[in-house]
Amino acid sequence: MKIIGWIRYGDKAACGGTVIEGDQTCRSHGRAYAFQGARVACRKDCIIADGFPRSTLTNGRAQVIHGMKTSAGCPLLSTLNEVDGVGNASGEAVTTNFYQTTQGDWLPKFGPEHLTEESPDEQVRAIDGKTGEPIPDLAYYIKAPDGTTYSGYTDANGLCERVATYHPEELSVWFGEDAETKMREG
């Protein structure tokens, strides 16, 4: 991405909240630029916490760019990326999708092309609680915090499919009948 977009009135936060305040005297493509301290309509009644100090609007407040956060830590998503904003001199990929971890943190969600040999992964093993032995051919259903699901049957060593992740994660895992029900549902 060559241009990291400004945030405007009506843009969204990763949590689904909407920016509902902007400097009405400064507009881009018909919508007011948002500013540090602007309100966000969301379940936590947030404001925009971050600001870009090198660009100040007529109201004296800093403008806001894509990826900056609300008071609850939710990243803001610009509709002006590649159109109007700040140059991305590094040329590195700019995250346009985020997901919330089980701990409540927002992390970038990249496509599989960003996985490397150093990327963390998880592999669940089904173990019999009484004997300590692996359980082969047991139905499993795994859901990652980003919504990705994995399902199947454990191998001869009780192992489920290896799950590649971009960050260390807590996975939700179902076994047996619960897993088969989840598989049928979806």
Foldseek 3Di string as FASTA:
>chain_A
DFFFAWAFAQFAWLQGWGFHDADVVDDDPPTHFHFAQGWIDDPVRWTQHDFDVVDADPVRTGTGTFQGAIPLQTTTAHPQGVNDHDGDVVPDDDARHWFAAPVGHIDGDDDPVPDDPPFDKDKDFDAPPPPRATDWQKWKWKAWRRGDIAIDTAHPRRIGDIGTDRHDHDMDMDIHPVRVVVVVVD
